[in-house]
N, C-alpha and C. Protein backbone atom coordinates (compact mmCIF):
# COMPACT_ATOMS: atom_id res chain seq x y z
N MET A 1 -2.00 -43.76 16.66
CA MET A 1 -3.37 -43.31 17.17
C MET A 1 -4.28 -43.89 15.81
N ALA A 2 -5.55 -44.59 16.52
CA ALA A 2 -6.10 -45.05 15.26
C ALA A 2 -7.61 -44.45 15.27
N VAL A 3 -8.47 -44.48 14.42
CA VAL A 3 -9.93 -44.11 14.74
C VAL A 3 -10.85 -45.10 14.57
N SER A 4 -11.40 -45.11 15.76
CA SER A 4 -12.76 -45.74 15.51
C SER A 4 -14.21 -45.99 15.28
N ARG A 5 -15.01 -46.42 14.98
CA ARG A 5 -16.46 -46.42 14.38
C ARG A 5 -16.88 -45.34 15.26
N ASP A 6 -16.96 -45.60 16.66
CA ASP A 6 -17.46 -44.49 17.73
C ASP A 6 -16.91 -42.89 17.32
N ASP A 7 -15.69 -42.89 17.16
CA ASP A 7 -14.92 -41.28 16.80
C ASP A 7 -15.64 -40.73 15.95
N VAL A 8 -15.64 -41.71 14.76
CA VAL A 8 -16.25 -41.18 13.40
C VAL A 8 -17.64 -40.74 13.60
N ARG A 9 -18.50 -41.49 14.64
CA ARG A 9 -20.09 -40.87 15.11
C ARG A 9 -19.70 -39.95 15.44
N HIS A 10 -18.83 -39.72 16.98
CA HIS A 10 -18.54 -38.65 17.49
C HIS A 10 -18.40 -37.18 16.60
N ILE A 11 -17.18 -37.31 15.79
CA ILE A 11 -16.90 -36.45 14.71
C ILE A 11 -17.98 -35.84 13.92
N ALA A 12 -18.95 -36.93 13.51
CA ALA A 12 -19.95 -36.58 12.39
C ALA A 12 -20.94 -35.64 13.10
N GLY A 13 -21.11 -36.28 14.44
CA GLY A 13 -22.34 -35.21 15.26
C GLY A 13 -21.76 -33.87 15.55
N LEU A 14 -20.67 -33.89 15.75
CA LEU A 14 -19.93 -32.53 16.02
C LEU A 14 -20.46 -31.74 14.47
N ALA A 15 -19.97 -32.20 13.72
CA ALA A 15 -20.02 -31.70 12.25
C ALA A 15 -21.23 -31.59 11.87
N ARG A 16 -22.21 -32.18 12.31
CA ARG A 16 -24.07 -32.32 12.13
C ARG A 16 -23.89 -32.95 10.88
N VAL A 17 -23.26 -34.05 10.57
CA VAL A 17 -23.33 -34.81 9.42
C VAL A 17 -23.85 -35.93 9.50
N GLY A 18 -24.90 -36.11 8.91
CA GLY A 18 -25.41 -37.76 8.88
C GLY A 18 -24.24 -38.44 8.28
N VAL A 19 -24.31 -39.47 8.49
CA VAL A 19 -23.34 -40.77 8.02
C VAL A 19 -24.06 -42.04 8.32
N PRO A 20 -24.42 -42.66 7.41
CA PRO A 20 -25.08 -43.88 7.01
C PRO A 20 -24.09 -44.91 7.88
N ASP A 21 -24.44 -45.91 8.34
CA ASP A 21 -23.61 -46.99 9.61
C ASP A 21 -22.97 -47.76 7.88
N GLU A 22 -23.15 -47.87 6.95
CA GLU A 22 -22.90 -48.62 5.80
C GLU A 22 -21.67 -48.08 5.79
N LYS A 23 -21.65 -46.74 5.74
CA LYS A 23 -20.28 -45.62 5.01
C LYS A 23 -19.35 -45.93 6.35
N LEU A 24 -19.73 -46.44 7.61
CA LEU A 24 -18.86 -46.07 8.65
C LEU A 24 -17.18 -46.84 8.82
N ASP A 25 -17.12 -47.98 8.43
CA ASP A 25 -16.33 -49.03 7.94
C ASP A 25 -14.87 -48.41 7.08
N THR A 26 -15.66 -47.66 5.85
CA THR A 26 -14.91 -46.65 4.81
C THR A 26 -14.26 -45.43 5.30
N LEU A 27 -15.03 -44.68 5.95
CA LEU A 27 -14.62 -43.67 6.38
C LEU A 27 -13.73 -43.85 7.82
N VAL A 28 -13.68 -44.96 8.55
CA VAL A 28 -12.57 -45.23 9.31
C VAL A 28 -11.45 -46.01 8.68
N THR A 29 -11.17 -46.37 7.71
CA THR A 29 -10.38 -46.77 7.18
C THR A 29 -9.67 -45.64 6.54
N GLU A 30 -10.33 -45.03 5.72
CA GLU A 30 -9.67 -43.67 5.12
C GLU A 30 -9.09 -42.80 6.04
N LEU A 31 -9.81 -42.19 7.46
CA LEU A 31 -9.26 -41.67 8.42
C LEU A 31 -7.97 -42.09 8.87
N ASN A 32 -8.06 -43.61 8.99
CA ASN A 32 -6.47 -44.10 9.46
C ASN A 32 -5.40 -44.40 8.56
N GLY A 33 -5.83 -44.32 7.62
CA GLY A 33 -4.97 -44.33 6.34
C GLY A 33 -4.20 -42.69 6.42
N ILE A 34 -4.92 -41.60 6.42
CA ILE A 34 -4.64 -40.36 6.62
C ILE A 34 -3.75 -40.42 8.10
N LEU A 35 -4.18 -40.71 8.97
CA LEU A 35 -3.57 -40.49 10.08
C LEU A 35 -1.73 -41.28 10.24
N GLY A 36 -2.05 -42.30 9.31
CA GLY A 36 -0.99 -43.26 8.96
C GLY A 36 0.22 -42.39 8.26
N HIS A 37 -0.66 -41.58 7.15
CA HIS A 37 0.60 -40.64 6.43
C HIS A 37 1.00 -39.63 7.26
N MET A 38 -0.02 -38.87 8.10
CA MET A 38 0.56 -37.94 8.92
C MET A 38 1.74 -38.49 9.78
N GLU A 39 2.13 -39.53 10.28
CA GLU A 39 2.88 -40.26 11.46
C GLU A 39 4.10 -40.14 10.75
N VAL A 40 3.89 -40.57 9.10
CA VAL A 40 5.28 -40.64 8.27
C VAL A 40 5.88 -39.32 8.22
N LEU A 41 5.15 -38.27 7.79
CA LEU A 41 5.48 -37.15 7.77
C LEU A 41 5.92 -36.52 8.79
N GLN A 42 5.68 -36.80 10.05
CA GLN A 42 6.22 -36.17 11.31
C GLN A 42 7.67 -36.47 11.74
N LYS A 43 7.91 -38.12 11.02
CA LYS A 43 9.27 -38.53 10.86
C LYS A 43 10.04 -37.92 10.35
N VAL A 44 10.14 -37.32 9.18
CA VAL A 44 10.68 -36.89 8.20
C VAL A 44 11.59 -35.81 8.85
N GLN A 45 13.07 -35.48 8.71
CA GLN A 45 13.49 -34.60 9.13
C GLN A 45 13.24 -33.19 8.61
N SER A 46 12.98 -32.10 9.16
CA SER A 46 12.53 -31.02 8.17
C SER A 46 13.18 -29.70 8.85
N ALA A 47 14.15 -30.23 9.91
CA ALA A 47 14.69 -28.64 10.32
C ALA A 47 15.46 -27.85 9.42
N GLY A 48 15.31 -26.97 9.46
CA GLY A 48 15.93 -25.78 8.38
C GLY A 48 15.45 -25.81 7.08
N ALA A 49 14.53 -26.64 6.82
CA ALA A 49 14.28 -26.31 5.31
C ALA A 49 12.95 -25.42 5.13
N ALA A 50 12.59 -24.64 5.67
CA ALA A 50 11.88 -23.48 5.68
C ALA A 50 12.80 -22.65 5.62
N ALA A 51 13.81 -22.19 6.16
CA ALA A 51 15.03 -21.32 5.84
C ALA A 51 15.67 -21.58 4.58
N GLU A 52 15.69 -22.67 4.28
CA GLU A 52 16.27 -23.04 3.11
C GLU A 52 15.55 -22.65 1.91
N ALA A 53 14.50 -22.69 1.81
CA ALA A 53 13.42 -22.65 0.88
C ALA A 53 13.02 -20.80 0.70
N ASP A 54 13.18 -20.32 1.63
CA ASP A 54 13.23 -18.62 1.69
C ASP A 54 14.58 -18.05 0.84
N ALA A 55 15.20 -18.96 1.37
CA ALA A 55 16.82 -18.16 0.95
C ALA A 55 16.54 -18.50 -0.59
N LEU A 56 16.07 -19.76 -1.29
CA LEU A 56 15.94 -19.56 -2.81
C LEU A 56 14.83 -18.94 -3.59
N ARG A 57 14.17 -18.57 -2.80
CA ARG A 57 12.65 -17.69 -3.21
C ARG A 57 13.44 -16.32 -3.38
N THR A 58 13.33 -15.64 -4.85
CA THR A 58 14.09 -14.64 -5.14
C THR A 58 12.51 -13.37 -5.32
N GLY A 59 11.45 -13.91 -5.72
CA GLY A 59 10.55 -12.97 -6.00
C GLY A 59 10.22 -12.15 -7.62
N MET A 60 9.64 -11.58 -7.62
CA MET A 60 9.31 -11.10 -8.70
C MET A 60 10.18 -9.99 -9.03
N PRO A 61 10.94 -9.47 -10.50
CA PRO A 61 11.84 -8.49 -10.01
C PRO A 61 10.67 -7.55 -10.33
N LEU A 62 11.04 -6.38 -9.92
CA LEU A 62 10.01 -5.10 -10.17
C LEU A 62 10.80 -3.94 -11.07
N ARG A 63 9.60 -3.20 -12.01
CA ARG A 63 10.17 -2.30 -12.70
C ARG A 63 10.53 -0.90 -12.02
N ALA A 64 11.53 -0.06 -12.66
CA ALA A 64 11.39 1.03 -12.22
C ALA A 64 10.32 2.23 -12.18
N ASP A 65 10.02 2.79 -11.05
CA ASP A 65 9.01 3.84 -10.85
C ASP A 65 9.21 4.83 -11.98
N GLU A 66 9.04 4.68 -13.00
CA GLU A 66 9.28 5.90 -14.04
C GLU A 66 7.94 6.19 -14.62
N GLY A 67 8.03 7.63 -15.21
CA GLY A 67 6.84 8.26 -15.86
C GLY A 67 6.11 9.21 -15.12
N PRO A 68 5.45 10.03 -16.01
CA PRO A 68 4.65 11.12 -14.99
C PRO A 68 3.80 10.86 -14.16
N SER A 69 3.55 11.61 -13.20
CA SER A 69 2.64 11.14 -12.26
C SER A 69 1.46 11.69 -12.55
N VAL A 70 0.32 11.19 -12.13
CA VAL A 70 -1.13 11.43 -12.55
C VAL A 70 -1.66 12.84 -11.55
N LYS A 71 -1.82 13.45 -11.93
CA LYS A 71 -2.45 14.54 -11.36
C LYS A 71 -3.68 14.43 -10.58
N LEU A 72 -4.21 13.90 -9.54
CA LEU A 72 -5.40 13.48 -9.04
C LEU A 72 -6.30 14.58 -8.64
N GLU A 73 -6.09 16.10 -8.59
CA GLU A 73 -7.13 17.25 -8.66
C GLU A 73 -7.22 17.75 -10.12
N ARG A 74 -8.09 17.68 -10.61
CA ARG A 74 -8.31 18.59 -11.91
C ARG A 74 -9.58 19.47 -11.59
N PRO A 75 -9.31 20.49 -12.76
CA PRO A 75 -10.57 21.66 -12.50
C PRO A 75 -12.01 20.77 -13.14
N ILE A 76 -12.73 21.37 -12.27
CA ILE A 76 -14.22 20.69 -12.89
C ILE A 76 -14.61 20.75 -14.11
N ALA A 77 -14.30 22.00 -14.76
CA ALA A 77 -14.69 21.77 -15.96
C ALA A 77 -13.86 20.79 -17.25
N GLU A 78 -12.82 20.28 -16.60
CA GLU A 78 -12.29 19.10 -17.20
C GLU A 78 -12.89 18.24 -17.07
N ILE A 79 -13.41 17.66 -15.79
CA ILE A 79 -14.47 16.60 -15.63
C ILE A 79 -15.67 16.69 -16.07
N ALA A 80 -16.38 17.71 -15.75
CA ALA A 80 -17.73 17.99 -16.10
C ALA A 80 -17.78 19.32 -16.70
N PRO A 81 -17.56 19.61 -18.18
CA PRO A 81 -17.76 20.89 -18.68
C PRO A 81 -18.83 21.76 -18.54
N ALA A 82 -20.16 20.56 -18.82
CA ALA A 82 -21.68 21.33 -18.98
C ALA A 82 -22.13 21.08 -17.39
N THR A 83 -23.07 22.01 -17.15
CA THR A 83 -24.10 21.62 -16.08
C THR A 83 -25.08 21.00 -16.41
N ARG A 84 -25.56 20.73 -17.87
CA ARG A 84 -26.32 19.60 -17.99
C ARG A 84 -25.98 18.78 -19.04
N SER A 85 -26.18 17.36 -18.93
CA SER A 85 -25.94 16.55 -19.61
C SER A 85 -26.42 16.67 -21.09
N LEU A 86 -25.94 15.99 -22.05
CA LEU A 86 -26.21 16.01 -23.53
C LEU A 86 -28.02 15.92 -23.84
N ASP A 87 -28.51 15.10 -23.05
CA ASP A 87 -29.71 14.83 -23.02
C ASP A 87 -30.63 16.13 -22.14
N GLY A 88 -29.87 16.99 -21.64
CA GLY A 88 -30.58 17.52 -21.14
C GLY A 88 -31.18 17.91 -19.60
N ALA A 89 -30.29 16.76 -19.10
CA ALA A 89 -30.74 16.41 -17.51
C ALA A 89 -29.70 17.04 -16.97
N PRO A 90 -30.16 17.80 -15.65
CA PRO A 90 -28.99 18.35 -14.91
C PRO A 90 -27.82 17.32 -14.49
N MET A 91 -26.94 18.18 -14.28
CA MET A 91 -25.79 17.22 -13.52
C MET A 91 -25.75 17.57 -11.87
N PRO A 92 -25.17 16.63 -11.49
CA PRO A 92 -25.08 16.66 -10.19
C PRO A 92 -24.23 17.91 -9.54
N ALA A 93 -24.44 18.79 -8.10
CA ALA A 93 -23.83 19.75 -7.91
C ALA A 93 -22.62 19.30 -7.64
N VAL A 94 -21.66 20.08 -7.83
CA VAL A 94 -19.99 19.87 -7.37
C VAL A 94 -19.38 20.73 -6.18
N VAL A 95 -18.70 20.36 -5.34
CA VAL A 95 -18.20 21.19 -4.41
C VAL A 95 -16.97 20.43 -4.16
N ASP A 96 -15.74 21.31 -4.21
CA ASP A 96 -14.24 21.04 -3.93
C ASP A 96 -13.92 19.88 -4.79
N GLY A 97 -14.75 19.62 -5.86
CA GLY A 97 -14.21 19.02 -7.02
C GLY A 97 -14.82 17.67 -6.92
N PHE A 98 -16.03 17.64 -6.06
CA PHE A 98 -16.53 16.19 -5.88
C PHE A 98 -18.01 16.61 -6.29
N PHE A 99 -18.47 15.45 -7.06
CA PHE A 99 -19.92 15.80 -7.21
C PHE A 99 -20.79 15.03 -5.90
N LEU A 100 -21.85 15.71 -5.99
CA LEU A 100 -22.66 15.72 -4.63
C LEU A 100 -23.66 14.78 -5.18
N VAL A 101 -24.51 13.72 -5.07
CA VAL A 101 -25.59 12.93 -5.12
C VAL A 101 -26.56 13.07 -3.99
N PRO A 102 -27.77 12.75 -4.67
CA PRO A 102 -28.92 12.91 -3.04
C PRO A 102 -28.64 11.71 -2.63
N ARG A 103 -28.92 11.55 -1.05
CA ARG A 103 -28.98 10.57 -0.41
C ARG A 103 -30.03 9.54 -0.97
N LEU A 104 -29.97 8.27 -0.81
CA LEU A 104 -31.06 6.92 -1.29
C LEU A 104 -32.27 7.45 -0.35
N ALA A 105 -33.29 7.28 -0.98
CA ALA A 105 -34.83 6.98 -0.25
C ALA A 105 -34.68 6.49 1.19
N THR A 106 -33.96 4.88 1.00
CA THR A 106 -33.84 4.12 2.02
C THR A 106 -32.72 4.64 3.61
N HIS A 107 -32.02 5.87 2.88
CA HIS A 107 -31.15 5.94 3.77
C HIS A 107 -31.28 7.36 4.33
N GLU A 108 -32.38 7.97 4.25
CA GLU A 108 -33.10 9.24 4.90
C GLU A 108 -32.84 8.87 6.44
N ASP A 109 -33.48 8.09 7.23
CA ASP A 109 -33.75 7.63 8.85
C ASP A 109 -32.22 7.70 9.23
N ALA A 110 -31.38 6.85 8.44
CA ALA A 110 -29.85 6.73 8.76
C ALA A 110 -29.33 7.86 9.65
N GLY A 111 -29.46 8.72 8.69
CA GLY A 111 -28.67 9.89 9.07
C GLY A 111 -28.98 10.33 10.28
N ASP A 112 -30.29 10.56 10.27
CA ASP A 112 -31.12 11.35 11.96
C ASP A 112 -30.67 10.52 13.02
N GLU A 113 -30.29 9.14 13.02
CA GLU A 113 -30.09 8.25 14.42
C GLU A 113 -28.54 8.56 14.61
N SER A 114 -27.48 9.04 13.43
CA SER A 114 -26.23 9.41 14.13
C SER A 114 -25.88 10.49 14.53
């Protein structure tokens, strides 16, 4: 299969790429060279090569899963011991161990729609 100047113009038009006429011959030569390499690669016997490659791939060794587990739920006093920060500003309210933060003003209308 060979690429012509018209093919390059057509492909460039589909891709919405402007190709000057003086570059067409260079592109035709380069694309035909690439297609020539692809034809050579298609002739290579590669049946079973993927299975062989997978058999040789051992992967990364994994470490043993050891050590203490991390407790995700903690008392709120441990997370936020004071109801006010050091500078006196109020801390956010807490419900079930989660901090409650006010909605952004830009999202006020979004809650009404749902």
